[in-house]
PDB file of N, CA and C in Angstrom:
ATOM      1  N   MET A   1      84.375 129.908  77.643  1.00  0.00           N
ATOM      2  CA  MET A   1      85.403 130.521  78.461  1.00  0.00           C
ATOM      3  C   MET A   1      84.900 131.846  79.061  1.00  0.00           C
ATOM      4  N   ARG A   2      84.211 132.644  78.235  1.00  0.00           N
ATOM      5  CA  ARG A   2      83.690 133.926  78.734  1.00  0.00           C
ATOM      6  C   ARG A   2      82.688 133.713  79.859  1.00  0.00           C
ATOM      7  N   ARG A   3      81.859 132.675  79.721  1.00  0.00           N
ATOM      8  CA  ARG A   3      80.880 132.393  80.772  1.00  0.00           C
ATOM      9  C   ARG A   3      81.571 132.056  82.083  1.00  0.00           C
ATOM     10  N   ILE A   4      82.624 131.283  81.996  1.00  0.00           N
ATOM     11  CA  ILE A   4      83.357 130.903  83.206  1.00  0.00           C
ATOM     12  C   ILE A   4      83.966 132.134  83.858  1.00  0.00           C
ATOM     13  N   LEU A   5      84.587 133.013  83.067  1.00  0.00           N
ATOM     14  CA  LEU A   5      85.161 134.247  83.622  1.00  0.00           C
ATOM     15  C   LEU A   5      84.085 135.117  84.248  1.00  0.00           C
ATOM     16  N   TRP A   6      82.942 135.255  83.553  1.00  0.00           N
ATOM     17  CA  TRP A   6      81.860 136.074  84.082  1.00  0.00           C
ATOM     18  C   TRP A   6      81.380 135.509  85.406  1.00  0.00           C
ATOM     19  N   LEU A   7      81.217 134.194  85.496  1.00  0.00           N
ATOM     20  CA  LEU A   7      80.778 133.533  86.715  1.00  0.00           C
ATOM     21  C   LEU A   7      81.779 133.749  87.848  1.00  0.00           C
ATOM     22  N   VAL A   8      83.060 133.654  87.554  1.00  0.00           N
ATOM     23  CA  VAL A   8      84.087 133.876  88.571  1.00  0.00           C
ATOM     24  C   VAL A   8      84.014 135.311  89.095  1.00  0.00           C
ATOM     25  N   PHE A   9      83.889 136.291  88.208  1.00  0.00           N
ATOM     26  CA  PHE A   9      83.789 137.692  88.633  1.00  0.00           C
ATOM     27  C   PHE A   9      82.524 137.932  89.439  1.00  0.00           C
ATOM     28  N   ALA A  10      81.408 137.355  89.032  1.00  0.00           N
ATOM     29  CA  ALA A  10      80.145 137.522  89.759  1.00  0.00           C
ATOM     30  C   ALA A  10      80.250 136.940  91.168  1.00  0.00           C
ATOM     31  N   MET A  11      80.861 135.766  91.286  1.00  0.00           N
ATOM     32  CA  MET A  11      81.027 135.144  92.595  1.00  0.00           C
ATOM     33  C   MET A  11      81.971 135.961  93.469  1.00  0.00           C
ATOM     34  N   ALA A  12      83.032 136.484  92.901  1.00  0.00           N
ATOM     35  CA  ALA A  12      83.975 137.305  93.664  1.00  0.00           C
ATOM     36  C   ALA A  12      83.293 138.571  94.160  1.00  0.00           C
ATOM     37  N   ALA A  13      82.472 139.177  93.330  1.00  0.00           N
ATOM     38  CA  ALA A  13      81.758 140.396  93.734  1.00  0.00           C
ATOM     39  C   ALA A  13      80.781 140.087  94.861  1.00  0.00           C
ATOM     40  N   ALA A  14      80.087 138.975  94.775  1.00  0.00           N
ATOM     41  CA  ALA A  14      79.129 138.604  95.822  1.00  0.00           C
ATOM     42  C   ALA A  14      79.846 138.317  97.136  1.00  0.00           C
ATOM     43  N   LEU A  15      80.954 137.614  97.075  1.00  0.00           N
ATOM     44  CA  LEU A  15      81.703 137.310  98.288  1.00  0.00           C
ATOM     45  C   LEU A  15      82.336 138.550  98.894  1.00  0.00           C
ATOM     46  N   GLY A  16      82.684 139.513  98.060  1.00  0.00           N
ATOM     47  CA  GLY A  16      83.324 140.724  98.549  1.00  0.00           C
ATOM     48  C   GLY A  16      82.345 141.798  98.987  1.00  0.00           C
ATOM     49  N   ALA A  17      81.036 141.546  98.832  1.00  0.00           N
ATOM     50  CA  ALA A  17      80.037 142.534  99.217  1.00  0.00           C
ATOM     51  C   ALA A  17      80.132 142.793 100.719  1.00  0.00           C
ATOM     52  N   ALA A  18      80.009 144.034 101.093  1.00  0.00           N
ATOM     53  CA  ALA A  18      80.105 144.411 102.497  1.00  0.00           C
ATOM     54  C   ALA A  18      78.884 143.911 103.257  1.00  0.00           C
ATOM     55  N   ASP A  19      79.065 143.613 104.509  1.00  0.00           N
ATOM     56  CA  ASP A  19      77.990 143.145 105.384  1.00  0.00           C
ATOM     57  C   ASP A  19      77.666 144.256 106.370  1.00  0.00           C
ATOM     58  N   ALA A  20      76.400 144.616 106.471  1.00  0.00           N
ATOM     59  CA  ALA A  20      75.981 145.695 107.368  1.00  0.00           C
ATOM     60  C   ALA A  20      75.821 145.232 108.808  1.00  0.00           C
ATOM     61  N   SER A  21      75.949 143.943 109.059  1.00  0.00           N
ATOM     62  CA  SER A  21      75.779 143.428 110.420  1.00  0.00           C
ATOM     63  C   SER A  21      76.789 144.052 111.370  1.00  0.00           C
ATOM     64  N   GLY A  22      76.323 144.355 112.561  1.00  0.00           N
ATOM     65  CA  GLY A  22      77.225 144.879 113.581  1.00  0.00           C
ATOM     66  C   GLY A  22      76.695 146.119 114.260  1.00  0.00           C
ATOM     67  N   LYS A  23      77.566 146.717 115.047  1.00  0.00           N
ATOM     68  CA  LYS A  23      77.237 147.938 115.793  1.00  0.00           C
ATOM     69  C   LYS A  23      77.869 149.118 115.083  1.00  0.00           C
ATOM     70  N   TRP A  24      77.096 150.193 114.942  1.00  0.00           N
ATOM     71  CA  TRP A  24      77.520 151.388 114.217  1.00  0.00           C
ATOM     72  C   TRP A  24      77.233 152.620 115.072  1.00  0.00           C
ATOM     73  N   SER A  25      78.151 153.580 115.083  1.00  0.00           N
ATOM     74  CA  SER A  25      77.900 154.827 115.821  1.00  0.00           C
ATOM     75  C   SER A  25      78.453 156.001 115.031  1.00  0.00           C
ATOM     76  N   GLY A  26      77.832 157.150 115.241  1.00  0.00           N
ATOM     77  CA  GLY A  26      78.270 158.352 114.536  1.00  0.00           C
ATOM     78  C   GLY A  26      77.385 159.533 114.833  1.00  0.00           C
ATOM     79  N   ASN A  27      77.276 160.422 113.848  1.00  0.00           N
ATOM     80  CA  ASN A  27      76.561 161.680 114.049  1.00  0.00           C
ATOM     81  C   ASN A  27      75.525 161.952 112.972  1.00  0.00           C
ATOM     82  N   VAL A  28      74.506 162.678 113.393  1.00  0.00           N
ATOM     83  CA  VAL A  28      73.493 163.203 112.504  1.00  0.00           C
ATOM     84  C   VAL A  28      73.670 164.719 112.499  1.00  0.00           C
ATOM     85  N   THR A  29      73.735 165.313 111.304  1.00  0.00           N
ATOM     86  CA  THR A  29      73.868 166.767 111.182  1.00  0.00           C
ATOM     87  C   THR A  29      72.564 167.325 110.636  1.00  0.00           C
ATOM     88  N   ALA A  30      71.859 168.093 111.474  1.00  0.00           N
ATOM     89  CA  ALA A  30      70.579 168.702 111.091  1.00  0.00           C
ATOM     90  C   ALA A  30      70.829 169.842 110.100  1.00  0.00           C
ATOM     91  N   PRO A  31      69.787 170.272 109.378  1.00  0.00           N
ATOM     92  CA  PRO A  31      69.957 171.356 108.401  1.00  0.00           C
ATOM     93  C   PRO A  31      70.592 172.623 108.983  1.00  0.00           C
ATOM     94  N   GLY A  32      70.335 172.930 110.254  1.00  0.00           N
ATOM     95  CA  GLY A  32      70.924 174.111 110.886  1.00  0.00           C
ATOM     96  C   GLY A  32      72.321 173.897 111.419  1.00  0.00           C
ATOM     97  N   GLY A  33      72.881 172.671 111.249  1.00  0.00           N
ATOM     98  CA  GLY A  33      74.237 172.384 111.706  1.00  0.00           C
ATOM     99  C   GLY A  33      74.312 171.702 113.058  1.00  0.00           C
ATOM    100  N   GLU A  34      73.180 171.549 113.750  1.00  0.00           N
ATOM    101  CA  GLU A  34      73.176 170.903 115.057  1.00  0.00           C
ATOM    102  C   GLU A  34      73.553 169.434 114.924  1.00  0.00           C
ATOM    103  N   LEU A  35      74.466 168.959 115.787  1.00  0.00           N
ATOM    104  CA  LEU A  35      74.911 167.563 115.782  1.00  0.00           C
ATOM    105  C   LEU A  35      74.205 166.774 116.871  1.00  0.00           C
ATOM    106  N   THR A  36      73.752 165.574 116.514  1.00  0.00           N
ATOM    107  CA  THR A  36      73.247 164.622 117.490  1.00  0.00           C
ATOM    108  C   THR A  36      73.910 163.279 117.193  1.00  0.00           C
ATOM    109  N   THR A  37      73.801 162.359 118.118  1.00  0.00           N
ATOM    110  CA  THR A  37      74.437 161.065 117.941  1.00  0.00           C
ATOM    111  C   THR A  37      73.458 160.044 117.344  1.00  0.00           C
ATOM    112  N   ALA A  38      74.016 159.008 116.745  1.00  0.00           N
ATOM    113  CA  ALA A  38      73.239 157.905 116.191  1.00  0.00           C
ATOM    114  C   ALA A  38      73.955 156.604 116.527  1.00  0.00           C
ATOM    115  N   TYR A  39      73.173 155.571 116.768  1.00  0.00           N
ATOM    116  CA  TYR A  39      73.730 154.257 117.095  1.00  0.00           C
ATOM    117  C   TYR A  39      72.808 153.193 116.512  1.00  0.00           C
ATOM    118  N   PHE A  40      73.376 152.238 115.782  1.00  0.00           N
ATOM    119  CA  PHE A  40      72.615 151.141 115.180  1.00  0.00           C
ATOM    120  C   PHE A  40      73.195 149.813 115.620  1.00  0.00           C
ATOM    121  N   GLU A  41      72.349 148.810 115.766  1.00  0.00           N
ATOM    122  CA  GLU A  41      72.749 147.417 115.909  1.00  0.00           C
ATOM    123  C   GLU A  41      71.992 146.664 114.827  1.00  0.00           C
ATOM    124  N   LEU A  42      72.705 146.226 113.783  1.00  0.00           N
ATOM    125  CA  LEU A  42      72.074 145.639 112.612  1.00  0.00           C
ATOM    126  C   LEU A  42      72.479 144.191 112.394  1.00  0.00           C
ATOM    127  N   ARG A  43      71.552 143.436 111.785  1.00  0.00           N
ATOM    128  CA  ARG A  43      71.809 142.058 111.386  1.00  0.00           C
ATOM    129  C   ARG A  43      71.361 141.919 109.933  1.00  0.00           C
ATOM    130  N   GLN A  44      72.255 141.439 109.090  1.00  0.00           N
ATOM    131  CA  GLN A  44      71.962 141.263 107.674  1.00  0.00           C
ATOM    132  C   GLN A  44      71.968 139.793 107.318  1.00  0.00           C
ATOM    133  N   SER A  45      70.973 139.394 106.528  1.00  0.00           N
ATOM    134  CA  SER A  45      70.907 138.052 105.971  1.00  0.00           C
ATOM    135  C   SER A  45      70.465 138.212 104.527  1.00  0.00           C
ATOM    136  N   GLY A  46      71.422 138.160 103.601  1.00  0.00           N
ATOM    137  CA  GLY A  46      71.106 138.419 102.199  1.00  0.00           C
ATOM    138  C   GLY A  46      70.648 139.863 102.029  1.00  0.00           C
ATOM    139  N   GLU A  47      69.433 140.055 101.483  1.00  0.00           N
ATOM    140  CA  GLU A  47      68.883 141.402 101.323  1.00  0.00           C
ATOM    141  C   GLU A  47      67.984 141.795 102.487  1.00  0.00           C
ATOM    142  N   ASP A  48      67.841 140.905 103.480  1.00  0.00           N
ATOM    143  CA  ASP A  48      67.024 141.209 104.651  1.00  0.00           C
ATOM    144  C   ASP A  48      67.876 141.865 105.723  1.00  0.00           C
ATOM    145  N   LEU A  49      67.281 142.858 106.361  1.00  0.00           N
ATOM    146  CA  LEU A  49      67.980 143.616 107.385  1.00  0.00           C
ATOM    147  C   LEU A  49      67.059 143.729 108.591  1.00  0.00           C
ATOM    148  N   SER A  50      67.599 143.523 109.781  1.00  0.00           N
ATOM    149  CA  SER A  50      66.828 143.694 111.011  1.00  0.00           C
ATOM    150  C   SER A  50      67.739 144.349 112.034  1.00  0.00           C
ATOM    151  N   GLY A  51      67.149 144.742 113.161  1.00  0.00           N
ATOM    152  CA  GLY A  51      67.952 145.333 114.216  1.00  0.00           C
ATOM    153  C   GLY A  51      67.260 146.497 114.884  1.00  0.00           C
ATOM    154  N   THR A  52      68.081 147.371 115.470  1.00  0.00           N
ATOM    155  CA  THR A  52      67.574 148.527 116.196  1.00  0.00           C
ATOM    156  C   THR A  52      68.388 149.767 115.840  1.00  0.00           C
ATOM    157  N   ALA A  53      67.801 150.930 116.116  1.00  0.00           N
ATOM    158  CA  ALA A  53      68.482 152.204 115.887  1.00  0.00           C
ATOM    159  C   ALA A  53      67.999 153.201 116.931  1.00  0.00           C
ATOM    160  N   GLY A  54      68.852 154.159 117.233  1.00  0.00           N
ATOM    161  CA  GLY A  54      68.486 155.188 118.191  1.00  0.00           C
ATOM    162  C   GLY A  54      69.640 156.148 118.414  1.00  0.00           C
ATOM    163  N   PRO A  55      69.475 157.037 119.390  1.00  0.00           N
ATOM    164  CA  PRO A  55      70.526 158.026 119.643  1.00  0.00           C
ATOM    165  C   PRO A  55      71.716 157.481 120.437  1.00  0.00           C
ATOM    166  N   SER A  56      71.530 156.310 121.094  1.00  0.00           N
ATOM    167  CA  SER A  56      72.624 155.733 121.889  1.00  0.00           C
ATOM    168  C   SER A  56      72.393 154.227 122.021  1.00  0.00           C
ATOM    169  N   ALA A  57      73.403 153.522 122.536  1.00  0.00           N
ATOM    170  CA  ALA A  57      73.279 152.077 122.735  1.00  0.00           C
ATOM    171  C   ALA A  57      72.183 151.755 123.747  1.00  0.00           C
ATOM    172  N   GLY A  58      71.961 152.652 124.682  1.00  0.00           N
ATOM    173  CA  GLY A  58      70.953 152.446 125.724  1.00  0.00           C
ATOM    174  C   GLY A  58      69.556 152.873 125.337  1.00  0.00           C
ATOM    175  N   ARG A  59      69.400 153.515 124.208  1.00  0.00           N
ATOM    176  CA  ARG A  59      68.083 154.004 123.762  1.00  0.00           C
ATOM    177  C   ARG A  59      67.884 153.581 122.312  1.00  0.00           C
ATOM    178  N   GLN A  60      67.376 152.367 122.137  1.00  0.00           N
ATOM    179  CA  GLN A  60      67.219 151.755 120.824  1.00  0.00           C
ATOM    180  C   GLN A  60      65.753 151.450 120.534  1.00  0.00           C
ATOM    181  N   PHE A  61      65.403 151.492 119.241  1.00  0.00           N
ATOM    182  CA  PHE A  61      64.052 151.205 118.777  1.00  0.00           C
ATOM    183  C   PHE A  61      64.152 150.265 117.580  1.00  0.00           C
ATOM    184  N   PRO A  62      63.187 149.341 117.433  1.00  0.00           N
ATOM    185  CA  PRO A  62      63.248 148.388 116.322  1.00  0.00           C
ATOM    186  C   PRO A  62      63.166 149.081 114.960  1.00  0.00           C
ATOM    187  N   ILE A  63      63.934 148.563 114.004  1.00  0.00           N
ATOM    188  CA  ILE A  63      63.816 149.076 112.636  1.00  0.00           C
ATOM    189  C   ILE A  63      62.728 148.260 111.927  1.00  0.00           C
ATOM    190  N   ARG A  64      62.127 148.865 110.901  1.00  0.00           N
ATOM    191  CA  ARG A  64      61.088 148.190 110.121  1.00  0.00           C
ATOM    192  C   ARG A  64      61.248 148.584 108.659  1.00  0.00           C
ATOM    193  N   LYS A  65      60.551 147.877 107.779  1.00  0.00           N
ATOM    194  CA  LYS A  65      60.630 148.127 106.339  1.00  0.00           C
ATOM    195  C   LYS A  65      62.087 148.214 105.888  1.00  0.00           C
ATOM    196  N   ALA A  66      62.883 147.305 106.405  1.00  0.00           N
ATOM    197  CA  ALA A  66      64.328 147.354 106.172  1.00  0.00           C
ATOM    198  C   ALA A  66      64.727 146.481 104.995  1.00  0.00           C
ATOM    199  N   ARG A  67      65.579 147.018 104.134  1.00  0.00           N
ATOM    200  CA  ARG A  67      66.106 146.301 102.970  1.00  0.00           C
ATOM    201  C   ARG A  67      67.536 146.745 102.713  1.00  0.00           C
ATOM    202  N   ILE A  68      68.286 145.836 102.141  1.00  0.00           N
ATOM    203  CA  ILE A  68      69.613 146.191 101.639  1.00  0.00           C
ATOM    204  C   ILE A  68      69.713 145.624 100.232  1.00  0.00           C
ATOM    205  N   GLN A  69      70.076 146.479  99.297  1.00  0.00           N
ATOM    206  CA  GLN A  69      70.269 146.075  97.910  1.00  0.00           C
ATOM    207  C   GLN A  69      71.628 146.598  97.478  1.00  0.00           C
ATOM    208  N   GLY A  70      72.550 145.665  97.280  1.00  0.00           N
ATOM    209  CA  GLY A  70      73.919 146.073  96.976  1.00  0.00           C
ATOM    210  C   GLY A  70      74.500 146.793  98.178  1.00  0.00           C
ATOM    211  N   SER A  71      74.875 148.033  97.993  1.00  0.00           N
ATOM    212  CA  SER A  71      75.438 148.808  99.104  1.00  0.00           C
ATOM    213  C   SER A  71      74.432 149.812  99.676  1.00  0.00           C
ATOM    214  N   LYS A  72      73.178 149.762  99.227  1.00  0.00           N
ATOM    215  CA  LYS A  72      72.168 150.730  99.672  1.00  0.00           C
ATOM    216  C   LYS A  72      71.233 150.111 100.703  1.00  0.00           C
ATOM    217  N   LEU A  73      71.113 150.793 101.844  1.00  0.00           N
ATOM    218  CA  LEU A  73      70.241 150.355 102.926  1.00  0.00           C
ATOM    219  C   LEU A  73      69.103 151.341 103.085  1.00  0.00           C
ATOM    220  N   THR A  74      67.915 150.828 103.333  1.00  0.00           N
ATOM    221  CA  THR A  74      66.778 151.675 103.685  1.00  0.00           C
ATOM    222  C   THR A  74      66.052 151.014 104.847  1.00  0.00           C
ATOM    223  N   PHE A  75      65.600 151.842 105.788  1.00  0.00           N
ATOM    224  CA  PHE A  75      64.780 151.353 106.887  1.00  0.00           C
ATOM    225  C   PHE A  75      64.100 152.520 107.572  1.00  0.00           C
ATOM    226  N   GLU A  76      63.120 152.195 108.415  1.00  0.00           N
ATOM    227  CA  GLU A  76      62.375 153.198 109.170  1.00  0.00           C
ATOM    228  C   GLU A  76      62.408 152.836 110.644  1.00  0.00           C
ATOM    229  N   VAL A  77      62.218 153.857 111.478  1.00  0.00           N
ATOM    230  CA  VAL A  77      62.113 153.665 112.916  1.00  0.00           C
ATOM    231  C   VAL A  77      60.930 154.493 113.399  1.00  0.00           C
ATOM    232  N   ALA A  78      59.994 153.841 114.111  1.00  0.00           N
ATOM    233  CA  ALA A  78      58.872 154.553 114.725  1.00  0.00           C
ATOM    234  C   ALA A  78      59.327 155.030 116.095  1.00  0.00           C
ATOM    235  N   MET A  79      59.254 156.340 116.318  1.00  0.00           N
ATOM    236  CA  MET A  79      59.709 156.920 117.577  1.00  0.00           C
ATOM    237  C   MET A  79      58.542 157.029 118.571  1.00  0.00           C
ATOM    238  N   PRO A  80      58.828 157.042 119.869  1.00  0.00           N
ATOM    239  CA  PRO A  80      57.772 157.118 120.886  1.00  0.00           C
ATOM    240  C   PRO A  80      56.906 158.394 120.778  1.00  0.00           C
ATOM    241  N   ASP A  81      57.449 159.466 120.212  1.00  0.00           N
ATOM    242  CA  ASP A  81      56.676 160.714 120.107  1.00  0.00           C
ATOM    243  C   ASP A  81      55.753 160.747 118.888  1.00  0.00           C
ATOM    244  N   GLY A  82      55.691 159.628 118.134  1.00  0.00           N
ATOM    245  CA  GLY A  82      54.833 159.546 116.963  1.00  0.00           C
ATOM    246  C   GLY A  82      55.533 159.864 115.655  1.00  0.00           C
ATOM    247  N   ALA A  83      56.769 160.289 115.710  1.00  0.00           N
ATOM    248  CA  ALA A  83      57.524 160.593 114.492  1.00  0.00           C
ATOM    249  C   ALA A  83      58.042 159.297 113.866  1.00  0.00           C
ATOM    250  N   THR A  84      58.273 159.348 112.566  1.00  0.00           N
ATOM    251  CA  THR A  84      58.909 158.250 111.845  1.00  0.00           C
ATOM    252  C   THR A  84      60.219 158.757 111.275  1.00  0.00           C
ATOM    253  N   MET A  85      61.287 158.031 111.541  1.00  0.00           N
ATOM    254  CA  MET A  85      62.595 158.362 111.008  1.00  0.00           C
ATOM    255  C   MET A  85      62.853 157.424 109.844  1.00  0.00           C
ATOM    256  N   LYS A  86      63.102 157.988 108.645  1.00  0.00           N
ATOM    257  CA  LYS A  86      63.384 157.192 107.455  1.00  0.00           C
ATOM    258  C   LYS A  86      64.847 157.361 107.086  1.00  0.00           C
ATOM    259  N   PHE A  87      65.535 156.236 106.930  1.00  0.00           N
ATOM    260  CA  PHE A  87      66.961 156.243 106.640  1.00  0.00           C
ATOM    261  C   PHE A  87      67.229 155.737 105.228  1.00  0.00           C
ATOM    262  N   GLY A  88      68.117 156.411 104.525  1.00  0.00           N
ATOM    263  CA  GLY A  88      68.630 155.984 103.238  1.00  0.00           C
ATOM    264  C   GLY A  88      70.141 156.105 103.302  1.00  0.00           C
ATOM    265  N   LEU A  89      70.828 154.975 103.372  1.00  0.00           N
ATOM    266  CA  LEU A  89      72.273 154.968 103.609  1.00  0.00           C
ATOM    267  C   LEU A  89      73.005 154.183 102.527  1.00  0.00           C
ATOM    268  N   VAL A  90      74.279 154.516 102.355  1.00  0.00           N
ATOM    269  CA  VAL A  90      75.155 153.778 101.458  1.00  0.00           C
ATOM    270  C   VAL A  90      76.291 153.206 102.311  1.00  0.00           C
ATOM    271  N   LEU A  91      76.478 151.908 102.210  1.00  0.00           N
ATOM    272  CA  LEU A  91      77.521 151.202 102.955  1.00  0.00           C
ATOM    273  C   LEU A  91      78.809 151.231 102.154  1.00  0.00           C
ATOM    274  N   GLU A  92      79.866 151.737 102.778  1.00  0.00           N
ATOM    275  CA  GLU A  92      81.185 151.841 102.156  1.00  0.00           C
ATOM    276  C   GLU A  92      82.214 151.280 103.129  1.00  0.00           C
ATOM    277  N   ALA A  93      82.449 149.980 103.056  1.00  0.00           N
ATOM    278  CA  ALA A  93      83.414 149.286 103.924  1.00  0.00           C
ATOM    279  C   ALA A  93      83.040 149.463 105.395  1.00  0.00           C
ATOM    280  N   GLU A  94      83.763 150.279 106.115  1.00  0.00           N
ATOM    281  CA  GLU A  94      83.566 150.427 107.550  1.00  0.00           C
ATOM    282  C   GLU A  94      82.747 151.659 107.929  1.00  0.00           C
ATOM    283  N   ARG A  95      82.023 152.247 106.964  1.00  0.00           N
ATOM    284  CA  ARG A  95      81.175 153.395 107.294  1.00  0.00           C
ATOM    285  C   ARG A  95      79.919 153.388 106.427  1.00  0.00           C
ATOM    286  N   MET A  96      78.898 154.059 106.930  1.00  0.00           N
ATOM    287  CA  MET A  96      77.664 154.266 106.188  1.00  0.00           C
ATOM    288  C   MET A  96      77.339 155.752 106.252  1.00  0.00           C
ATOM    289  N   GLN A  97      76.862 156.284 105.136  1.00  0.00           N
ATOM    290  CA  GLN A  97      76.455 157.680 105.141  1.00  0.00           C
ATOM    291  C   GLN A  97      75.232 157.860 104.255  1.00  0.00           C
ATOM    292  N   GLY A  98      74.510 158.931 104.494  1.00  0.00           N
ATOM    293  CA  GLY A  98      73.315 159.203 103.707  1.00  0.00           C
ATOM    294  C   GLY A  98      72.428 160.202 104.399  1.00  0.00           C
ATOM    295  N   GLU A  99      71.110 159.938 104.337  1.00  0.00           N
ATOM    296  CA  GLU A  99      70.142 160.876 104.885  1.00  0.00           C
ATOM    297  C   GLU A  99      69.189 160.186 105.851  1.00  0.00           C
ATOM    298  N   MET A 100      68.713 160.992 106.797  1.00  0.00           N
ATOM    299  CA  MET A 100      67.683 160.579 107.736  1.00  0.00           C
ATOM    300  C   MET A 100      66.597 161.642 107.666  1.00  0.00           C
ATOM    301  N   THR A 101      65.377 161.215 107.369  1.00  0.00           N
ATOM    302  CA  THR A 101      64.264 162.155 107.281  1.00  0.00           C
ATOM    303  C   THR A 101      63.297 161.890 108.419  1.00  0.00           C
ATOM    304  N   ARG A 102      63.002 162.942 109.190  1.00  0.00           N
ATOM    305  CA  ARG A 102      62.037 162.843 110.295  1.00  0.00           C
ATOM    306  C   ARG A 102      60.703 163.338 109.782  1.00  0.00           C
ATOM    307  N   GLU A 103      59.679 162.477 109.909  1.00  0.00           N
ATOM    308  CA  GLU A 103      58.328 162.842 109.499  1.00  0.00           C
ATOM    309  C   GLU A 103      57.395 162.713 110.700  1.00  0.00           C
ATOM    310  N   LYS A 104      56.573 163.757 110.911  1.00  0.00           N
ATOM    311  CA  LYS A 104      55.583 163.701 111.980  1.00  0.00           C
ATOM    312  C   LYS A 104      54.355 164.460 111.524  1.00  0.00           C
ATOM    313  N   SER A 105      53.199 163.841 111.696  1.00  0.00           N
ATOM    314  CA  SER A 105      51.940 164.446 111.284  1.00  0.00           C
ATOM    315  C   SER A 105      51.784 165.833 111.905  1.00  0.00           C
ATOM    316  N   GLY A 106      51.478 166.804 111.071  1.00  0.00           N
ATOM    317  CA  GLY A 106      51.277 168.171 111.542  1.00  0.00           C
ATOM    318  C   GLY A 106      52.552 168.987 111.656  1.00  0.00           C
ATOM    319  N   GLU A 107      53.703 168.336 111.538  1.00  0.00           N
ATOM    320  CA  GLU A 107      54.982 169.044 111.674  1.00  0.00           C
ATOM    321  C   GLU A 107      55.805 169.013 110.391  1.00  0.00           C
ATOM    322  N   GLY A 108      55.350 168.294 109.381  1.00  0.00           N
ATOM    323  CA  GLY A 108      56.116 168.209 108.136  1.00  0.00           C
ATOM    324  C   GLY A 108      57.294 167.270 108.288  1.00  0.00           C
ATOM    325  N   GLU A 109      58.312 167.523 107.492  1.00  0.00           N
ATOM    326  CA  GLU A 109      59.493 166.660 107.552  1.00  0.00           C
ATOM    327  C   GLU A 109      60.769 167.482 107.521  1.00  0.00           C
ATOM    328  N   GLU A 110      61.818 166.874 108.065  1.00  0.00           N
ATOM    329  CA  GLU A 110      63.138 167.498 108.108  1.00  0.00           C
ATOM    330  C   GLU A 110      64.168 166.437 107.755  1.00  0.00           C
ATOM    331  N   THR A 111      65.051 166.753 106.811  1.00  0.00           N
ATOM    332  CA  THR A 111      66.073 165.804 106.373  1.00  0.00           C
ATOM    333  C   THR A 111      67.443 166.240 106.879  1.00  0.00           C
ATOM    334  N   SER A 112      68.136 165.299 107.488  1.00  0.00           N
ATOM    335  CA  SER A 112      69.476 165.532 108.041  1.00  0.00           C
ATOM    336  C   SER A 112      70.466 164.593 107.369  1.00  0.00           C
ATOM    337  N   ARG A 113      71.744 164.930 107.434  1.00  0.00           N
ATOM    338  CA  ARG A 113      72.825 164.069 106.951  1.00  0.00           C
ATOM    339  C   ARG A 113      73.282 163.173 108.097  1.00  0.00           C
ATOM    340  N   ILE A 114      73.677 161.956 107.759  1.00  0.00           N
ATOM    341  CA  ILE A 114      74.124 161.020 108.774  1.00  0.00           C
ATOM    342  C   ILE A 114      75.400 160.300 108.320  1.00  0.00           C
ATOM    343  N   LEU A 115      76.302 160.119 109.243  1.00  0.00           N
ATOM    344  CA  LEU A 115      77.537 159.377 108.993  1.00  0.00           C
ATOM    345  C   LEU A 115      77.809 158.518 110.229  1.00  0.00           C
ATOM    346  N   VAL A 116      77.867 157.204 110.024  1.00  0.00           N
ATOM    347  CA  VAL A 116      78.191 156.282 111.125  1.00  0.00           C
ATOM    348  C   VAL A 116      79.344 155.388 110.692  1.00  0.00           C
ATOM    349  N   ARG A 117      80.095 154.954 111.668  1.00  0.00           N
ATOM    350  CA  ARG A 117      81.215 154.044 111.435  1.00  0.00           C
ATOM    351  C   ARG A 117      81.014 152.794 112.277  1.00  0.00           C
ATOM    352  N   ARG A 118      81.576 151.700 111.789  1.00  0.00           N
ATOM    353  CA  ARG A 118      81.478 150.442 112.525  1.00  0.00           C
ATOM    354  C   ARG A 118      82.145 150.635 113.886  1.00  0.00           C
ATOM    355  N   ALA A 119      81.404 150.296 114.935  1.00  0.00           N
ATOM    356  CA  ALA A 119      81.919 150.455 116.296  1.00  0.00           C
ATOM    357  C   ALA A 119      82.862 149.303 116.631  1.00  0.00           C
ATOM    358  N   ALA A 120      83.855 149.596 117.439  1.00  0.00           N
ATOM    359  CA  ALA A 120      84.841 148.574 117.826  1.00  0.00           C
ATOM    360  C   ALA A 120      84.289 147.654 118.890  1.00  0.00           C
TER     361      ALA A 120
END
């Protein structure tokens, strides 16, 4: 009986897991308080994540090294200026929040806060 209950709860949790697929928009807050925009178009299949990210719907770049485990997403974006943006986000229903770290050779790194919501 306990096994059956455990199986039912496990299946319910899996079915109720949030899906990161879709369009997301929001803001990035730099350490000095400066706000910039963020926009993602993501596709999730199990723990695999693909899509694009950028400052707007019209300026998108492919994501790479993307994974989703439970509610935690990680991915990177190679920018045209040679910088790499690394994202670590937590999916909470209709929003994702976490950190974005910009790394560029010779310039060090800068970590900003990010909050995006599912776009309508």
